[in-house]
């Protein structure tokens, strides 16, 4: 799958996704999503369901972070250490 957009505030996640070949280095990245920029796109990162239901697909790298790293800036090394497998969702409003 070719992703159109990364939604994250963590530069480390962007670096990780590029390093692993999940996205190209020229992908659009935003820290704050809105309906108009996610509508109909293949998005990876972090989104609330109110926005993920507008995407064509939404993917994430689940992180099993220890308590002390929650809410902190994450490096690429942090992401690599705590990353799960890529998961893709297709969210619909019922």
PDB file of N, CA and C in Angstrom:
ATOM      1  N   UNK A   1       0.843  -1.179   0.000  1.00  0.00           N
ATOM      2  CA  UNK A   1       0.000   0.000   0.000  1.00  0.00           C
ATOM      3  C   UNK A   1       0.886   1.239   0.000  1.00  0.00           C
ATOM      4  N   UNK A   2       0.480   2.222  -0.762  1.00  0.00           N
ATOM      5  CA  UNK A   2       1.215   3.484  -0.800  1.00  0.00           C
ATOM      6  C   UNK A   2       0.472   4.503   0.057  1.00  0.00           C
ATOM      7  N   UNK A   3       1.133   4.995   1.064  1.00  0.00           N
ATOM      8  CA  UNK A   3       0.537   5.980   1.967  1.00  0.00           C
ATOM      9  C   UNK A   3       0.645   7.373   1.366  1.00  0.00           C
ATOM     10  N   UNK A   4      -0.389   8.199   1.630  1.00  0.00           N
ATOM     11  CA  UNK A   4      -0.424   9.579   1.144  1.00  0.00           C
ATOM     12  C   UNK A   4      -0.020  10.587   2.202  1.00  0.00           C
ATOM     13  N   UNK A   5      -0.138  10.184   3.497  1.00  0.00           N
ATOM     14  CA  UNK A   5       0.024  11.162   4.571  1.00  0.00           C
ATOM     15  C   UNK A   5       0.426  10.475   5.869  1.00  0.00           C
ATOM     16  N   UNK A   6       1.335  11.118   6.609  1.00  0.00           N
ATOM     17  CA  UNK A   6       1.667  10.705   7.980  1.00  0.00           C
ATOM     18  C   UNK A   6       1.099  11.764   8.918  1.00  0.00           C
ATOM     19  N   UNK A   7       0.396  11.306   9.956  1.00  0.00           N
ATOM     20  CA  UNK A   7      -0.106  12.219  10.987  1.00  0.00           C
ATOM     21  C   UNK A   7       0.583  11.838  12.294  1.00  0.00           C
ATOM     22  N   UNK A   8       1.509  12.671  12.727  1.00  0.00           N
ATOM     23  CA  UNK A   8       2.228  12.451  13.982  1.00  0.00           C
ATOM     24  C   UNK A   8       2.959  13.724  14.372  1.00  0.00           C
ATOM     25  N   UNK A   9       3.227  13.849  15.662  1.00  0.00           N
ATOM     26  CA  UNK A   9       4.073  14.949  16.129  1.00  0.00           C
ATOM     27  C   UNK A   9       5.492  14.443  16.413  1.00  0.00           C
ATOM     28  N   UNK A  10       5.705  13.144  16.219  1.00  0.00           N
ATOM     29  CA  UNK A  10       7.003  12.540  16.527  1.00  0.00           C
ATOM     30  C   UNK A  10       7.883  12.394  15.279  1.00  0.00           C
ATOM     31  N   UNK A  11       8.945  13.181  15.214  1.00  0.00           N
ATOM     32  CA  UNK A  11       9.894  13.065  14.102  1.00  0.00           C
ATOM     33  C   UNK A  11      10.519  11.674  14.068  1.00  0.00           C
ATOM     34  N   UNK A  12      10.651  11.055  15.246  1.00  0.00           N
ATOM     35  CA  UNK A  12      11.210   9.709  15.328  1.00  0.00           C
ATOM     36  C   UNK A  12      10.358   8.688  14.591  1.00  0.00           C
ATOM     37  N   UNK A  13       9.038   8.855  14.612  1.00  0.00           N
ATOM     38  CA  UNK A  13       8.159   7.937  13.885  1.00  0.00           C
ATOM     39  C   UNK A  13       8.336   8.113  12.383  1.00  0.00           C
ATOM     40  N   UNK A  14       8.444   9.344  11.932  1.00  0.00           N
ATOM     41  CA  UNK A  14       8.661   9.606  10.509  1.00  0.00           C
ATOM     42  C   UNK A  14       9.974   8.961  10.069  1.00  0.00           C
ATOM     43  N   UNK A  15      11.034   9.153  10.838  1.00  0.00           N
ATOM     44  CA  UNK A  15      12.335   8.549  10.521  1.00  0.00           C
ATOM     45  C   UNK A  15      12.223   7.023  10.468  1.00  0.00           C
ATOM     46  N   UNK A  16      11.525   6.440  11.425  1.00  0.00           N
ATOM     47  CA  UNK A  16      11.345   4.983  11.490  1.00  0.00           C
ATOM     48  C   UNK A  16      10.610   4.475  10.247  1.00  0.00           C
ATOM     49  N   UNK A  17       9.521   5.145   9.864  1.00  0.00           N
ATOM     50  CA  UNK A  17       8.737   4.711   8.706  1.00  0.00           C
ATOM     51  C   UNK A  17       9.546   4.775   7.416  1.00  0.00           C
ATOM     52  N   UNK A  18      10.390   5.794   7.295  1.00  0.00           N
ATOM     53  CA  UNK A  18      11.268   5.912   6.122  1.00  0.00           C
ATOM     54  C   UNK A  18      12.351   4.842   6.181  1.00  0.00           C
ATOM     55  N   UNK A  19      12.983   4.669   7.339  1.00  0.00           N
ATOM     56  CA  UNK A  19      14.044   3.680   7.523  1.00  0.00           C
ATOM     57  C   UNK A  19      13.575   2.272   7.174  1.00  0.00           C
ATOM     58  N   UNK A  20      12.359   1.932   7.559  1.00  0.00           N
ATOM     59  CA  UNK A  20      11.805   0.596   7.319  1.00  0.00           C
ATOM     60  C   UNK A  20      11.219   0.446   5.919  1.00  0.00           C
ATOM     61  N   UNK A  21      11.230   1.510   5.118  1.00  0.00           N
ATOM     62  CA  UNK A  21      10.708   1.449   3.761  1.00  0.00           C
ATOM     63  C   UNK A  21       9.189   1.421   3.687  1.00  0.00           C
ATOM     64  N   UNK A  22       8.529   1.830   4.757  1.00  0.00           N
ATOM     65  CA  UNK A  22       7.067   1.843   4.795  1.00  0.00           C
ATOM     66  C   UNK A  22       6.524   3.040   4.017  1.00  0.00           C
ATOM     67  N   UNK A  23       7.257   4.151   4.039  1.00  0.00           N
ATOM     68  CA  UNK A  23       6.891   5.357   3.288  1.00  0.00           C
ATOM     69  C   UNK A  23       8.123   5.880   2.556  1.00  0.00           C
ATOM     70  N   UNK A  24       7.870   6.713   1.549  1.00  0.00           N
ATOM     71  CA  UNK A  24       8.946   7.416   0.849  1.00  0.00           C
ATOM     72  C   UNK A  24       9.323   8.665   1.627  1.00  0.00           C
ATOM     73  N   UNK A  25      10.513   9.144   1.412  1.00  0.00           N
ATOM     74  CA  UNK A  25      10.976  10.326   2.140  1.00  0.00           C
ATOM     75  C   UNK A  25      10.265  11.606   1.716  1.00  0.00           C
ATOM     76  N   UNK A  26       9.556  11.585   0.604  1.00  0.00           N
ATOM     77  CA  UNK A  26       8.860  12.794   0.145  1.00  0.00           C
ATOM     78  C   UNK A  26       7.381  12.829   0.535  1.00  0.00           C
ATOM     79  N   UNK A  27       6.961  11.967   1.450  1.00  0.00           N
ATOM     80  CA  UNK A  27       5.561  11.910   1.892  1.00  0.00           C
ATOM     81  C   UNK A  27       5.194  13.168   2.680  1.00  0.00           C
ATOM     82  N   UNK A  28       3.939  13.565   2.587  1.00  0.00           N
ATOM     83  CA  UNK A  28       3.445  14.694   3.382  1.00  0.00           C
ATOM     84  C   UNK A  28       3.294  14.259   4.837  1.00  0.00           C
ATOM     85  N   UNK A  29       3.695  15.154   5.745  1.00  0.00           N
ATOM     86  CA  UNK A  29       3.614  14.902   7.189  1.00  0.00           C
ATOM     87  C   UNK A  29       2.922  16.087   7.839  1.00  0.00           C
ATOM     88  N   UNK A  30       1.996  15.791   8.758  1.00  0.00           N
ATOM     89  CA  UNK A  30       1.346  16.857   9.525  1.00  0.00           C
ATOM     90  C   UNK A  30       1.231  16.424  10.983  1.00  0.00           C
ATOM     91  N   UNK A  31       1.331  17.380  11.876  1.00  0.00           N
ATOM     92  CA  UNK A  31       1.172  17.093  13.305  1.00  0.00           C
ATOM     93  C   UNK A  31      -0.294  17.132  13.715  1.00  0.00           C
ATOM     94  N   UNK A  32      -1.112  17.848  12.950  1.00  0.00           N
ATOM     95  CA  UNK A  32      -2.526  18.015  13.297  1.00  0.00           C
ATOM     96  C   UNK A  32      -3.375  17.760  12.058  1.00  0.00           C
ATOM     97  N   UNK A  33      -4.211  16.740  12.121  1.00  0.00           N
ATOM     98  CA  UNK A  33      -5.059  16.376  10.992  1.00  0.00           C
ATOM     99  C   UNK A  33      -6.381  17.123  11.047  1.00  0.00           C
ATOM    100  N   UNK A  34      -6.983  17.261   9.885  1.00  0.00           N
ATOM    101  CA  UNK A  34      -8.320  17.835   9.762  1.00  0.00           C
ATOM    102  C   UNK A  34      -9.065  17.030   8.702  1.00  0.00           C
ATOM    103  N   UNK A  35     -10.386  17.108   8.697  1.00  0.00           N
ATOM    104  CA  UNK A  35     -11.151  16.312   7.734  1.00  0.00           C
ATOM    105  C   UNK A  35     -10.713  16.512   6.283  1.00  0.00           C
ATOM    106  N   UNK A  36     -10.438  17.734   5.897  1.00  0.00           N
ATOM    107  CA  UNK A  36     -10.094  18.000   4.504  1.00  0.00           C
ATOM    108  C   UNK A  36      -8.759  17.391   4.077  1.00  0.00           C
ATOM    109  N   UNK A  37      -7.819  17.196   4.993  1.00  0.00           N
ATOM    110  CA  UNK A  37      -6.526  16.632   4.566  1.00  0.00           C
ATOM    111  C   UNK A  37      -6.461  15.111   4.663  1.00  0.00           C
ATOM    112  N   UNK A  38      -7.383  14.463   5.395  1.00  0.00           N
ATOM    113  CA  UNK A  38      -7.356  12.999   5.486  1.00  0.00           C
ATOM    114  C   UNK A  38      -8.397  12.334   4.580  1.00  0.00           C
ATOM    115  N   UNK A  39      -9.384  13.083   4.120  1.00  0.00           N
ATOM    116  CA  UNK A  39     -10.492  12.550   3.335  1.00  0.00           C
ATOM    117  C   UNK A  39     -10.003  11.721   2.141  1.00  0.00           C
ATOM    118  N   UNK A  40     -10.371  10.430   2.127  1.00  0.00           N
ATOM    119  CA  UNK A  40     -10.093   9.554   0.994  1.00  0.00           C
ATOM    120  C   UNK A  40      -8.644   9.144   0.814  1.00  0.00           C
ATOM    121  N   UNK A  41      -7.796   9.389   1.785  1.00  0.00           N
ATOM    122  CA  UNK A  41      -6.365   9.078   1.660  1.00  0.00           C
ATOM    123  C   UNK A  41      -5.991   7.841   2.467  1.00  0.00           C
ATOM    124  N   UNK A  42      -4.848   7.265   2.108  1.00  0.00           N
ATOM    125  CA  UNK A  42      -4.234   6.193   2.898  1.00  0.00           C
ATOM    126  C   UNK A  42      -3.317   6.891   3.901  1.00  0.00           C
ATOM    127  N   UNK A  43      -3.728   6.875   5.170  1.00  0.00           N
ATOM    128  CA  UNK A  43      -3.048   7.644   6.216  1.00  0.00           C
ATOM    129  C   UNK A  43      -2.384   6.683   7.199  1.00  0.00           C
ATOM    130  N   UNK A  44      -1.198   7.061   7.666  1.00  0.00           N
ATOM    131  CA  UNK A  44      -0.513   6.309   8.715  1.00  0.00           C
ATOM    132  C   UNK A  44      -0.147   7.280   9.826  1.00  0.00           C
ATOM    133  N   UNK A  45      -0.236   6.814  11.064  1.00  0.00           N
ATOM    134  CA  UNK A  45       0.126   7.655  12.201  1.00  0.00           C
ATOM    135  C   UNK A  45      -0.856   7.533  13.331  1.00  0.00           C
ATOM    136  N   UNK A  46      -1.355   8.680  13.792  1.00  0.00           N
ATOM    137  CA  UNK A  46      -2.258   8.733  14.942  1.00  0.00           C
ATOM    138  C   UNK A  46      -3.461   9.596  14.570  1.00  0.00           C
ATOM    139  N   UNK A  47      -4.661   9.004  14.657  1.00  0.00           N
ATOM    140  CA  UNK A  47      -5.897   9.724  14.349  1.00  0.00           C
ATOM    141  C   UNK A  47      -7.012   9.297  15.293  1.00  0.00           C
ATOM    142  N   UNK A  48      -7.897  10.220  15.647  1.00  0.00           N
ATOM    143  CA  UNK A  48      -9.112   9.812  16.360  1.00  0.00           C
ATOM    144  C   UNK A  48     -10.055   9.156  15.352  1.00  0.00           C
ATOM    145  N   UNK A  49     -10.982   8.345  15.838  1.00  0.00           N
ATOM    146  CA  UNK A  49     -11.917   7.665  14.939  1.00  0.00           C
ATOM    147  C   UNK A  49     -12.777   8.637  14.146  1.00  0.00           C
ATOM    148  N   UNK A  50     -13.036   9.809  14.700  1.00  0.00           N
ATOM    149  CA  UNK A  50     -13.834  10.796  13.977  1.00  0.00           C
ATOM    150  C   UNK A  50     -13.148  11.242  12.686  1.00  0.00           C
ATOM    151  N   UNK A  51     -11.838  11.052  12.593  1.00  0.00           N
ATOM    152  CA  UNK A  51     -11.102  11.348  11.359  1.00  0.00           C
ATOM    153  C   UNK A  51     -10.731  10.074  10.604  1.00  0.00           C
ATOM    154  N   UNK A  52     -10.414   9.008  11.321  1.00  0.00           N
ATOM    155  CA  UNK A  52     -10.017   7.774  10.620  1.00  0.00           C
ATOM    156  C   UNK A  52     -11.149   7.236   9.760  1.00  0.00           C
ATOM    157  N   UNK A  53     -12.396   7.512  10.127  1.00  0.00           N
ATOM    158  CA  UNK A  53     -13.531   7.043   9.325  1.00  0.00           C
ATOM    159  C   UNK A  53     -13.650   7.798   8.004  1.00  0.00           C
ATOM    160  N   UNK A  54     -12.927   8.882   7.832  1.00  0.00           N
ATOM    161  CA  UNK A  54     -12.940   9.642   6.587  1.00  0.00           C
ATOM    162  C   UNK A  54     -11.868   9.173   5.612  1.00  0.00           C
ATOM    163  N   UNK A  55     -10.911   8.398   6.101  1.00  0.00           N
ATOM    164  CA  UNK A  55      -9.802   7.950   5.264  1.00  0.00           C
ATOM    165  C   UNK A  55     -10.206   6.771   4.387  1.00  0.00           C
ATOM    166  N   UNK A  56      -9.427   6.522   3.346  1.00  0.00           N
ATOM    167  CA  UNK A  56      -9.603   5.299   2.553  1.00  0.00           C
ATOM    168  C   UNK A  56      -9.122   4.124   3.387  1.00  0.00           C
ATOM    169  N   UNK A  57      -8.000   4.324   4.086  1.00  0.00           N
ATOM    170  CA  UNK A  57      -7.505   3.365   5.074  1.00  0.00           C
ATOM    171  C   UNK A  57      -6.654   4.121   6.074  1.00  0.00           C
ATOM    172  N   UNK A  58      -6.578   3.567   7.269  1.00  0.00           N
ATOM    173  CA  UNK A  58      -5.771   4.162   8.341  1.00  0.00           C
ATOM    174  C   UNK A  58      -4.871   3.077   8.902  1.00  0.00           C
ATOM    175  N   UNK A  59      -3.589   3.357   9.007  1.00  0.00           N
ATOM    176  CA  UNK A  59      -2.622   2.393   9.528  1.00  0.00           C
ATOM    177  C   UNK A  59      -1.864   2.995  10.692  1.00  0.00           C
ATOM    178  N   UNK A  60      -1.391   2.115  11.569  1.00  0.00           N
ATOM    179  CA  UNK A  60      -0.596   2.557  12.711  1.00  0.00           C
ATOM    180  C   UNK A  60       0.490   1.534  13.011  1.00  0.00           C
ATOM    181  N   UNK A  61       1.507   1.995  13.686  1.00  0.00           N
ATOM    182  CA  UNK A  61       2.516   1.137  14.289  1.00  0.00           C
ATOM    183  C   UNK A  61       2.204   1.168  15.777  1.00  0.00           C
ATOM    184  N   UNK A  62       1.566   0.116  16.312  1.00  0.00           N
ATOM    185  CA  UNK A  62       1.257   0.134  17.742  1.00  0.00           C
ATOM    186  C   UNK A  62       2.545   0.182  18.566  1.00  0.00           C
ATOM    187  N   UNK A  63       2.546   0.970  19.610  1.00  0.00           N
ATOM    188  CA  UNK A  63       3.720   1.108  20.475  1.00  0.00           C
ATOM    189  C   UNK A  63       3.394   0.603  21.866  1.00  0.00           C
ATOM    190  N   UNK A  64       4.245  -0.251  22.382  1.00  0.00           N
ATOM    191  CA  UNK A  64       4.109  -0.757  23.745  1.00  0.00           C
ATOM    192  C   UNK A  64       5.084   0.030  24.626  1.00  0.00           C
ATOM    193  N   UNK A  65       4.723   1.284  24.884  1.00  0.00           N
ATOM    194  CA  UNK A  65       5.619   2.197  25.604  1.00  0.00           C
ATOM    195  C   UNK A  65       5.550   2.001  27.109  1.00  0.00           C
ATOM    196  N   UNK A  66       6.711   2.078  27.771  1.00  0.00           N
ATOM    197  CA  UNK A  66       6.680   2.090  29.238  1.00  0.00           C
ATOM    198  C   UNK A  66       6.108   3.430  29.710  1.00  0.00           C
ATOM    199  N   UNK A  67       5.587   3.429  30.893  1.00  0.00           N
ATOM    200  CA  UNK A  67       4.926   4.614  31.460  1.00  0.00           C
ATOM    201  C   UNK A  67       5.801   5.869  31.363  1.00  0.00           C
ATOM    202  N   UNK A  68       7.091   5.750  31.609  1.00  0.00           N
ATOM    203  CA  UNK A  68       7.960   6.927  31.638  1.00  0.00           C
ATOM    204  C   UNK A  68       8.155   7.590  30.275  1.00  0.00           C
ATOM    205  N   UNK A  69       7.825   6.900  29.174  1.00  0.00           N
ATOM    206  CA  UNK A  69       7.969   7.496  27.840  1.00  0.00           C
ATOM    207  C   UNK A  69       6.669   8.058  27.289  1.00  0.00           C
ATOM    208  N   UNK A  70       5.565   7.792  27.950  1.00  0.00           N
ATOM    209  CA  UNK A  70       4.269   8.287  27.462  1.00  0.00           C
ATOM    210  C   UNK A  70       4.211   9.801  27.581  1.00  0.00           C
ATOM    211  N   UNK A  71       3.793  10.422  26.481  1.00  0.00           N
ATOM    212  CA  UNK A  71       3.704  11.882  26.449  1.00  0.00           C
ATOM    213  C   UNK A  71       5.024  12.580  26.188  1.00  0.00           C
ATOM    214  N   UNK A  72       6.086  11.822  25.937  1.00  0.00           N
ATOM    215  CA  UNK A  72       7.421  12.384  25.683  1.00  0.00           C
ATOM    216  C   UNK A  72       7.723  12.339  24.191  1.00  0.00           C
ATOM    217  N   UNK A  73       8.693  13.144  23.768  1.00  0.00           N
ATOM    218  CA  UNK A  73       9.166  13.084  22.385  1.00  0.00           C
ATOM    219  C   UNK A  73       9.894  11.756  22.193  1.00  0.00           C
ATOM    220  N   UNK A  74       9.544  11.039  21.124  1.00  0.00           N
ATOM    221  CA  UNK A  74      10.137   9.730  20.865  1.00  0.00           C
ATOM    222  C   UNK A  74      11.147   9.808  19.734  1.00  0.00           C
ATOM    223  N   UNK A  75      12.269   9.134  19.911  1.00  0.00           N
ATOM    224  CA  UNK A  75      13.290   9.061  18.864  1.00  0.00           C
ATOM    225  C   UNK A  75      13.000   7.862  17.965  1.00  0.00           C
ATOM    226  N   UNK A  76      13.704   7.793  16.860  1.00  0.00           N
ATOM    227  CA  UNK A  76      13.586   6.637  15.973  1.00  0.00           C
ATOM    228  C   UNK A  76      13.963   5.364  16.728  1.00  0.00           C
ATOM    229  N   UNK A  77      14.971   5.449  17.573  1.00  0.00           N
ATOM    230  CA  UNK A  77      15.405   4.293  18.364  1.00  0.00           C
ATOM    231  C   UNK A  77      14.320   3.855  19.349  1.00  0.00           C
ATOM    232  N   UNK A  78      13.630   4.814  19.951  1.00  0.00           N
ATOM    233  CA  UNK A  78      12.509   4.489  20.849  1.00  0.00           C
ATOM    234  C   UNK A  78      11.419   3.745  20.078  1.00  0.00           C
ATOM    235  N   UNK A  79      11.073   4.274  18.907  1.00  0.00           N
ATOM    236  CA  UNK A  79      10.035   3.638  18.088  1.00  0.00           C
ATOM    237  C   UNK A  79      10.449   2.218  17.740  1.00  0.00           C
ATOM    238  N   UNK A  80      11.684   2.055  17.299  1.00  0.00           N
ATOM    239  CA  UNK A  80      12.159   0.725  16.915  1.00  0.00           C
ATOM    240  C   UNK A  80      12.114  -0.251  18.092  1.00  0.00           C
ATOM    241  N   UNK A  81      12.438   0.211  19.261  1.00  0.00           N
ATOM    242  CA  UNK A  81      12.477  -0.631  20.452  1.00  0.00           C
ATOM    243  C   UNK A  81      11.077  -1.098  20.871  1.00  0.00           C
ATOM    244  N   UNK A  82      10.075  -0.236  20.725  1.00  0.00           N
ATOM    245  CA  UNK A  82       8.744  -0.532  21.254  1.00  0.00           C
ATOM    246  C   UNK A  82       7.667  -0.779  20.189  1.00  0.00           C
ATOM    247  N   UNK A  83       8.078  -0.815  18.926  1.00  0.00           N
ATOM    248  CA  UNK A  83       7.116  -0.953  17.829  1.00  0.00           C
ATOM    249  C   UNK A  83       6.563  -2.361  17.702  1.00  0.00           C
ATOM    250  N   UNK A  84       5.265  -2.412  17.451  1.00  0.00           N
ATOM    251  CA  UNK A  84       4.610  -3.658  17.070  1.00  0.00           C
ATOM    252  C   UNK A  84       4.554  -3.721  15.556  1.00  0.00           C
ATOM    253  N   UNK A  85       3.779  -4.668  15.043  1.00  0.00           N
ATOM    254  CA  UNK A  85       3.624  -4.818  13.595  1.00  0.00           C
ATOM    255  C   UNK A  85       2.619  -3.800  13.065  1.00  0.00           C
ATOM    256  N   UNK A  86       2.879  -3.342  11.853  1.00  0.00           N
ATOM    257  CA  UNK A  86       1.984  -2.422  11.163  1.00  0.00           C
ATOM    258  C   UNK A  86       0.580  -3.025  11.080  1.00  0.00           C
ATOM    259  N   UNK A  87      -0.422  -2.223  11.443  1.00  0.00           N
ATOM    260  CA  UNK A  87      -1.825  -2.653  11.397  1.00  0.00           C
ATOM    261  C   UNK A  87      -2.592  -1.632  10.557  1.00  0.00           C
ATOM    262  N   UNK A  88      -3.435  -2.140   9.648  1.00  0.00           N
ATOM    263  CA  UNK A  88      -4.248  -1.266   8.801  1.00  0.00           C
ATOM    264  C   UNK A  88      -5.729  -1.515   9.096  1.00  0.00           C
ATOM    265  N   UNK A  89      -6.477  -0.401   9.164  1.00  0.00           N
ATOM    266  CA  UNK A  89      -7.904  -0.439   9.457  1.00  0.00           C
ATOM    267  C   UNK A  89      -8.673   0.253   8.339  1.00  0.00           C
ATOM    268  N   UNK A  90      -9.897  -0.178   8.164  1.00  0.00           N
ATOM    269  CA  UNK A  90     -10.842   0.536   7.321  1.00  0.00           C
ATOM    270  C   UNK A  90     -12.038   0.826   8.219  1.00  0.00           C
ATOM    271  N   UNK A  91     -12.170   2.077   8.625  1.00  0.00           N
ATOM    272  CA  UNK A  91     -13.140   2.471   9.635  1.00  0.00           C
ATOM    273  C   UNK A  91     -14.368   3.069   8.947  1.00  0.00           C
ATOM    274  N   UNK A  92     -15.540   2.602   9.363  1.00  0.00           N
ATOM    275  CA  UNK A  92     -16.796   3.125   8.824  1.00  0.00           C
ATOM    276  C   UNK A  92     -17.677   3.611   9.968  1.00  0.00           C
ATOM    277  N   UNK A  93     -18.476   4.603   9.682  1.00  0.00           N
ATOM    278  CA  UNK A  93     -19.461   5.072  10.641  1.00  0.00           C
ATOM    279  C   UNK A  93     -20.686   4.178  10.507  1.00  0.00           C
ATOM    280  N   UNK A  94     -21.166   3.638  11.616  1.00  0.00           N
ATOM    281  CA  UNK A  94     -22.320   2.737  11.570  1.00  0.00           C
ATOM    282  C   UNK A  94     -23.619   3.519  11.560  1.00  0.00           C
TER     283      UNK A  94
END
